[in-house]
Amino acid sequence: MSERRNVKTMNRFDLTKRVVAKLKHDEAVIGGIGNANFDLYGAGKRPQNFYMLGSMGLACPIALGVALAQPKRRVLALEGDGSLLMQMGSLATIAMLAPRNLTLIVWDNGVYQITGGQRTATAAGADVVEMARGAGLKQSAWASDEDDFERLAERALSGDGPWFIGARIDMKAAPQQTPRTSIPAGP
């Protein structure tokens, strides 16, 4: 397991493409609000993907629900540090329920990037991997570089979880946004 201070800053879209390339077929992937879901959409549109739009902090809780409802299916949540900080209690619930088919991947760039770049607590030293460990998620690690990220993702996708993988990422915006559809109002 890598310590945060020894972690390379990587590109979120590149890492997302690496995860999507490892998927077999049925894995459900929940993309958190903002760039996490934009990158997921850009990396490979699949009917098994759920693109969270408009609900900050809910990728991990939704992924937990899917993992519990479909225990034979691998479930991944891709979430930003700011969104995770909105729902820290979900980590303790995930640790307590311990779904073996769940992997949480948290992109940490130290800012609420989608809302204007305000600093998150991780920019001041809060460590999401240590928080996950403290909540009881024993298989929690920082990816030290791209190769380490791939190794951790492979272990998470092939073994029992729950897993928590933290990745320090750069500030690059997603290459495209997830399209939004209109839903007619009324009956």
C-alpha atoms as a PDB file:
ATOM      1  CA  MET A   1       0.000   0.000   0.000  1.00  0.00           C
ATOM      2  CA  SER A   2       1.255   3.405  -0.961  1.00  0.00           C
ATOM      3  CA  GLU A   3       1.390   6.441   1.270  1.00  0.00           C
ATOM      4  CA  ARG A   4      -0.191   9.622  -0.048  1.00  0.00           C
ATOM      5  CA  ARG A   5       3.024  11.650  -0.062  1.00  0.00           C
ATOM      6  CA  ASN A   6       4.614   9.119  -2.431  1.00  0.00           C
ATOM      7  CA  VAL A   7       1.771   9.200  -4.928  1.00  0.00           C
ATOM      8  CA  LYS A   8       2.193  10.466  -8.479  1.00  0.00           C
ATOM      9  CA  THR A   9      -0.376  12.895  -9.892  1.00  0.00           C
ATOM     10  CA  MET A  10      -2.123  11.091 -12.754  1.00  0.00           C
ATOM     11  CA  ASN A  11      -4.793  11.851 -15.353  1.00  0.00           C
ATOM     12  CA  ARG A  12      -8.342  10.880 -14.374  1.00  0.00           C
ATOM     13  CA  PHE A  13      -9.536  10.209 -17.937  1.00  0.00           C
ATOM     14  CA  ASP A  14      -6.539   7.960 -18.624  1.00  0.00           C
ATOM     15  CA  LEU A  15      -7.204   5.995 -15.430  1.00  0.00           C
ATOM     16  CA  THR A  16     -10.912   5.750 -16.242  1.00  0.00           C
ATOM     17  CA  LYS A  17     -10.081   4.318 -19.679  1.00  0.00           C
ATOM     18  CA  ARG A  18      -7.803   1.774 -18.001  1.00  0.00           C
ATOM     19  CA  VAL A  19     -10.602   0.633 -15.671  1.00  0.00           C
ATOM     20  CA  VAL A  20     -13.179   0.441 -18.469  1.00  0.00           C
ATOM     21  CA  ALA A  21     -10.744  -1.639 -20.568  1.00  0.00           C
ATOM     22  CA  LYS A  22     -10.609  -4.217 -17.753  1.00  0.00           C
ATOM     23  CA  LEU A  23     -14.381  -4.698 -17.611  1.00  0.00           C
ATOM     24  CA  LYS A  24     -15.678  -8.009 -18.904  1.00  0.00           C
ATOM     25  CA  HIS A  25     -19.350  -7.267 -19.561  1.00  0.00           C
ATOM     26  CA  ASP A  26     -21.816  -7.209 -16.671  1.00  0.00           C
ATOM     27  CA  GLU A  27     -20.007  -4.922 -14.229  1.00  0.00           C
ATOM     28  CA  ALA A  28     -22.118  -1.977 -13.098  1.00  0.00           C
ATOM     29  CA  VAL A  29     -20.215   1.307 -12.945  1.00  0.00           C
ATOM     30  CA  ILE A  30     -21.627   4.333 -11.131  1.00  0.00           C
ATOM     31  CA  GLY A  31     -20.025   7.589 -12.264  1.00  0.00           C
ATOM     32  CA  GLY A  32     -20.195  10.351  -9.659  1.00  0.00           C
ATOM     33  CA  ILE A  33     -21.333  13.868 -10.436  1.00  0.00           C
ATOM     34  CA  GLY A  34     -19.182  15.982 -12.736  1.00  0.00           C
ATOM     35  CA  ASN A  35     -15.909  14.919 -14.284  1.00  0.00           C
ATOM     36  CA  ALA A  36     -16.070  11.380 -12.879  1.00  0.00           C
ATOM     37  CA  ASN A  37     -19.149  10.641 -14.964  1.00  0.00           C
ATOM     38  CA  PHE A  38     -18.039  12.737 -17.935  1.00  0.00           C
ATOM     39  CA  ASP A  39     -14.865  10.648 -18.126  1.00  0.00           C
ATOM     40  CA  LEU A  40     -16.821   7.416 -17.729  1.00  0.00           C
ATOM     41  CA  TYR A  41     -19.094   8.436 -20.601  1.00  0.00           C
ATOM     42  CA  GLY A  42     -16.092   9.371 -22.746  1.00  0.00           C
ATOM     43  CA  ALA A  43     -14.200   6.168 -21.920  1.00  0.00           C
ATOM     44  CA  GLY A  44     -16.901   3.832 -23.138  1.00  0.00           C
ATOM     45  CA  LYS A  45     -20.655   4.171 -23.207  1.00  0.00           C
ATOM     46  CA  ARG A  46     -22.223   1.002 -21.812  1.00  0.00           C
ATOM     47  CA  PRO A  47     -25.772   0.219 -20.703  1.00  0.00           C
ATOM     48  CA  GLN A  48     -24.289  -1.006 -17.390  1.00  0.00           C
ATOM     49  CA  ASN A  49     -23.013   2.511 -16.583  1.00  0.00           C
ATOM     50  CA  PHE A  50     -25.020   4.911 -14.444  1.00  0.00           C
ATOM     51  CA  TYR A  51     -24.105   8.557 -14.926  1.00  0.00           C
ATOM     52  CA  MET A  52     -24.889  10.533 -11.764  1.00  0.00           C
ATOM     53  CA  LEU A  53     -26.070  13.998 -12.699  1.00  0.00           C
ATOM     54  CA  GLY A  54     -27.082  16.520 -10.071  1.00  0.00           C
ATOM     55  CA  SER A  55     -26.639  14.628  -6.790  1.00  0.00           C
ATOM     56  CA  MET A  56     -23.261  15.279  -5.228  1.00  0.00           C
ATOM     57  CA  GLY A  57     -21.900  12.507  -3.054  1.00  0.00           C
ATOM     58  CA  LEU A  58     -24.271   9.719  -4.043  1.00  0.00           C
ATOM     59  CA  ALA A  59     -22.130   7.505  -6.295  1.00  0.00           C
ATOM     60  CA  CYS A  60     -20.842   5.401  -3.379  1.00  0.00           C
ATOM     61  CA  PRO A  61     -24.243   4.979  -1.672  1.00  0.00           C
ATOM     62  CA  ILE A  62     -25.895   4.076  -4.994  1.00  0.00           C
ATOM     63  CA  ALA A  63     -23.101   1.615  -5.771  1.00  0.00           C
ATOM     64  CA  LEU A  64     -23.623   0.068  -2.331  1.00  0.00           C
ATOM     65  CA  GLY A  65     -27.316  -0.417  -3.079  1.00  0.00           C
ATOM     66  CA  VAL A  66     -26.586  -2.037  -6.438  1.00  0.00           C
ATOM     67  CA  ALA A  67     -23.907  -4.282  -4.892  1.00  0.00           C
ATOM     68  CA  LEU A  68     -26.311  -5.479  -2.199  1.00  0.00           C
ATOM     69  CA  ALA A  69     -29.200  -5.987  -4.633  1.00  0.00           C
ATOM     70  CA  GLN A  70     -27.031  -7.838  -7.179  1.00  0.00           C
ATOM     71  CA  PRO A  71     -24.374  -9.720  -5.179  1.00  0.00           C
ATOM     72  CA  LYS A  72     -23.152 -11.755  -8.174  1.00  0.00           C
ATOM     73  CA  ARG A  73     -22.373  -8.604 -10.184  1.00  0.00           C
ATOM     74  CA  ARG A  74     -19.190  -6.542  -9.754  1.00  0.00           C
ATOM     75  CA  VAL A  75     -20.003  -2.931  -8.943  1.00  0.00           C
ATOM     76  CA  LEU A  76     -17.660   0.061  -9.156  1.00  0.00           C
ATOM     77  CA  ALA A  77     -18.148   3.650  -8.035  1.00  0.00           C
ATOM     78  CA  LEU A  78     -16.010   6.395  -9.563  1.00  0.00           C
ATOM     79  CA  GLU A  79     -16.189   9.410  -7.261  1.00  0.00           C
ATOM     80  CA  GLY A  80     -14.331  12.668  -6.683  1.00  0.00           C
ATOM     81  CA  ASP A  81     -12.812  13.686  -3.362  1.00  0.00           C
ATOM     82  CA  GLY A  82     -15.275  16.541  -2.919  1.00  0.00           C
ATOM     83  CA  SER A  83     -18.262  14.296  -3.512  1.00  0.00           C
ATOM     84  CA  LEU A  84     -16.925  11.637  -1.161  1.00  0.00           C
ATOM     85  CA  LEU A  85     -16.510  14.273   1.546  1.00  0.00           C
ATOM     86  CA  MET A  86     -20.242  15.039   1.187  1.00  0.00           C
ATOM     87  CA  GLN A  87     -21.139  11.457   2.161  1.00  0.00           C
ATOM     88  CA  MET A  88     -18.376  10.249   4.484  1.00  0.00           C
ATOM     89  CA  GLY A  89     -20.889   8.218   6.484  1.00  0.00           C
ATOM     90  CA  SER A  90     -21.332   5.904   3.520  1.00  0.00           C
ATOM     91  CA  LEU A  91     -17.826   4.509   4.108  1.00  0.00           C
ATOM     92  CA  ALA A  92     -18.752   3.181   7.552  1.00  0.00           C
ATOM     93  CA  THR A  93     -21.968   1.682   6.175  1.00  0.00           C
ATOM     94  CA  ILE A  94     -20.070   0.032   3.317  1.00  0.00           C
ATOM     95  CA  ALA A  95     -17.511  -1.372   5.776  1.00  0.00           C
ATOM     96  CA  MET A  96     -20.255  -2.664   8.072  1.00  0.00           C
ATOM     97  CA  LEU A  97     -22.238  -4.360   5.271  1.00  0.00           C
ATOM     98  CA  ALA A  98     -19.027  -5.433   3.474  1.00  0.00           C
ATOM     99  CA  PRO A  99     -20.317  -6.284   0.000  1.00  0.00           C
ATOM    100  CA  ARG A 100     -17.626  -8.468  -1.549  1.00  0.00           C
ATOM    101  CA  ASN A 101     -18.468  -7.260  -5.065  1.00  0.00           C
ATOM    102  CA  LEU A 102     -17.943  -3.513  -4.485  1.00  0.00           C
ATOM    103  CA  THR A 103     -15.000  -1.308  -5.463  1.00  0.00           C
ATOM    104  CA  LEU A 104     -14.790   2.421  -4.754  1.00  0.00           C
ATOM    105  CA  ILE A 105     -12.336   4.479  -6.797  1.00  0.00           C
ATOM    106  CA  VAL A 106     -11.859   8.042  -5.586  1.00  0.00           C
ATOM    107  CA  TRP A 107     -10.201  10.698  -7.747  1.00  0.00           C
ATOM    108  CA  ASP A 108      -8.480  13.241  -5.485  1.00  0.00           C
ATOM    109  CA  ASN A 109      -7.378  16.559  -6.964  1.00  0.00           C
ATOM    110  CA  GLY A 110      -7.960  18.608  -3.815  1.00  0.00           C
ATOM    111  CA  VAL A 111     -10.704  20.799  -5.307  1.00  0.00           C
ATOM    112  CA  TYR A 112     -14.400  20.921  -6.035  1.00  0.00           C
ATOM    113  CA  GLN A 113     -13.468  21.166  -9.705  1.00  0.00           C
ATOM    114  CA  ILE A 114     -16.925  21.242 -11.261  1.00  0.00           C
ATOM    115  CA  THR A 115     -18.151  24.130  -9.058  1.00  0.00           C
ATOM    116  CA  GLY A 116     -15.229  26.484  -9.556  1.00  0.00           C
ATOM    117  CA  GLY A 117     -12.111  24.961  -8.056  1.00  0.00           C
ATOM    118  CA  GLN A 118     -12.690  25.640  -4.360  1.00  0.00           C
ATOM    119  CA  ARG A 119     -10.254  23.678  -2.187  1.00  0.00           C
ATOM    120  CA  THR A 120     -11.440  20.499  -0.503  1.00  0.00           C
ATOM    121  CA  ALA A 121     -10.230  19.251   2.858  1.00  0.00           C
ATOM    122  CA  THR A 122      -7.828  16.932   1.023  1.00  0.00           C
ATOM    123  CA  ALA A 123      -5.900  19.983  -0.193  1.00  0.00           C
ATOM    124  CA  ALA A 124      -5.232  20.770   3.472  1.00  0.00           C
ATOM    125  CA  GLY A 125      -4.063  17.262   4.349  1.00  0.00           C
ATOM    126  CA  ALA A 126      -7.176  15.128   4.845  1.00  0.00           C
ATOM    127  CA  ASP A 127      -6.439  11.651   3.492  1.00  0.00           C
ATOM    128  CA  VAL A 128      -9.378   9.795   1.931  1.00  0.00           C
ATOM    129  CA  VAL A 129      -7.594   6.421   2.038  1.00  0.00           C
ATOM    130  CA  GLU A 130      -6.893   6.787   5.760  1.00  0.00           C
ATOM    131  CA  MET A 131     -10.523   7.828   6.252  1.00  0.00           C
ATOM    132  CA  ALA A 132     -11.648   4.680   4.431  1.00  0.00           C
ATOM    133  CA  ARG A 133      -9.357   2.546   6.585  1.00  0.00           C
ATOM    134  CA  GLY A 134     -10.637   4.283   9.698  1.00  0.00           C
ATOM    135  CA  ALA A 135     -14.202   3.492   8.626  1.00  0.00           C
ATOM    136  CA  GLY A 136     -13.252  -0.184   8.438  1.00  0.00           C
ATOM    137  CA  LEU A 137     -12.424  -0.675   4.759  1.00  0.00           C
ATOM    138  CA  LYS A 138      -9.318  -2.825   5.192  1.00  0.00           C
ATOM    139  CA  GLN A 139      -8.515  -3.084   1.478  1.00  0.00           C
ATOM    140  CA  SER A 140      -7.811   0.614   0.984  1.00  0.00           C
ATOM    141  CA  ALA A 141      -4.773   1.923  -0.858  1.00  0.00           C
ATOM    142  CA  TRP A 142      -3.343   4.852  -2.768  1.00  0.00           C
ATOM    143  CA  ALA A 143      -2.303   4.051  -6.327  1.00  0.00           C
ATOM    144  CA  SER A 144       1.294   5.246  -6.468  1.00  0.00           C
ATOM    145  CA  ASP A 145       1.378   5.479 -10.283  1.00  0.00           C
ATOM    146  CA  GLU A 146      -0.481   4.173 -13.342  1.00  0.00           C
ATOM    147  CA  ASP A 147       0.998   0.667 -13.101  1.00  0.00           C
ATOM    148  CA  ASP A 148       0.083   0.430  -9.422  1.00  0.00           C
ATOM    149  CA  PHE A 149      -3.425   1.672 -10.244  1.00  0.00           C
ATOM    150  CA  GLU A 150      -3.806  -1.094 -12.835  1.00  0.00           C
ATOM    151  CA  ARG A 151      -2.597  -3.715 -10.339  1.00  0.00           C
ATOM    152  CA  LEU A 152      -4.998  -2.486  -7.673  1.00  0.00           C
ATOM    153  CA  ALA A 153      -7.913  -2.352 -10.132  1.00  0.00           C
ATOM    154  CA  GLU A 154      -7.148  -5.881 -11.329  1.00  0.00           C
ATOM    155  CA  ARG A 155      -7.045  -7.188  -7.751  1.00  0.00           C
ATOM    156  CA  ALA A 156     -10.299  -5.424  -6.927  1.00  0.00           C
ATOM    157  CA  LEU A 157     -12.064  -6.753 -10.028  1.00  0.00           C
ATOM    158  CA  SER A 158     -10.914 -10.328  -9.476  1.00  0.00           C
ATOM    159  CA  GLY A 159     -11.033 -10.669  -5.688  1.00  0.00           C
ATOM    160  CA  ASP A 160     -13.346 -10.129  -2.785  1.00  0.00           C
ATOM    161  CA  GLY A 161     -13.989  -6.608  -1.571  1.00  0.00           C
ATOM    162  CA  PRO A 162     -15.012  -4.133  -0.620  1.00  0.00           C
ATOM    163  CA  TRP A 163     -12.085  -2.209  -2.080  1.00  0.00           C
ATOM    164  CA  PHE A 164     -11.185   1.479  -1.855  1.00  0.00           C
ATOM    165  CA  ILE A 165      -8.616   2.853  -4.308  1.00  0.00           C
ATOM    166  CA  GLY A 166      -7.454   6.456  -4.080  1.00  0.00           C
ATOM    167  CA  ALA A 167      -5.764   8.169  -7.019  1.00  0.00           C
ATOM    168  CA  ARG A 168      -4.202  11.639  -7.022  1.00  0.00           C
ATOM    169  CA  ILE A 169      -5.268  13.299 -10.236  1.00  0.00           C
ATOM    170  CA  ASP A 170      -4.461  16.422 -12.203  1.00  0.00           C
ATOM    171  CA  MET A 171      -6.840  19.319 -12.825  1.00  0.00           C
ATOM    172  CA  LYS A 172      -7.612  18.555 -16.477  1.00  0.00           C
ATOM    173  CA  ALA A 173     -11.280  18.813 -17.352  1.00  0.00           C
ATOM    174  CA  ALA A 174     -13.077  15.857 -18.887  1.00  0.00           C
ATOM    175  CA  PRO A 175     -12.816  15.693 -22.695  1.00  0.00           C
ATOM    176  CA  GLN A 176     -16.614  15.746 -23.056  1.00  0.00           C
ATOM    177  CA  GLN A 177     -19.729  15.980 -20.944  1.00  0.00           C
ATOM    178  CA  THR A 178     -22.449  13.411 -20.477  1.00  0.00           C
ATOM    179  CA  PRO A 179     -25.473  14.440 -22.562  1.00  0.00           C
ATOM    180  CA  ARG A 180     -28.532  15.447 -20.590  1.00  0.00           C
ATOM    181  CA  THR A 181     -31.993  14.486 -21.715  1.00  0.00           C
ATOM    182  CA  SER A 182     -35.179  16.389 -21.072  1.00  0.00           C
ATOM    183  CA  ILE A 183     -37.928  14.748 -19.092  1.00  0.00           C
ATOM    184  CA  PRO A 184     -41.362  16.209 -19.784  1.00  0.00           C
ATOM    185  CA  ALA A 185     -43.139  17.613 -16.744  1.00  0.00           C
ATOM    186  CA  GLY A 186     -46.564  16.469 -15.707  1.00  0.00           C
ATOM    187  CA  PRO A 187     -48.586  13.267 -16.017  1.00  0.00           C
END
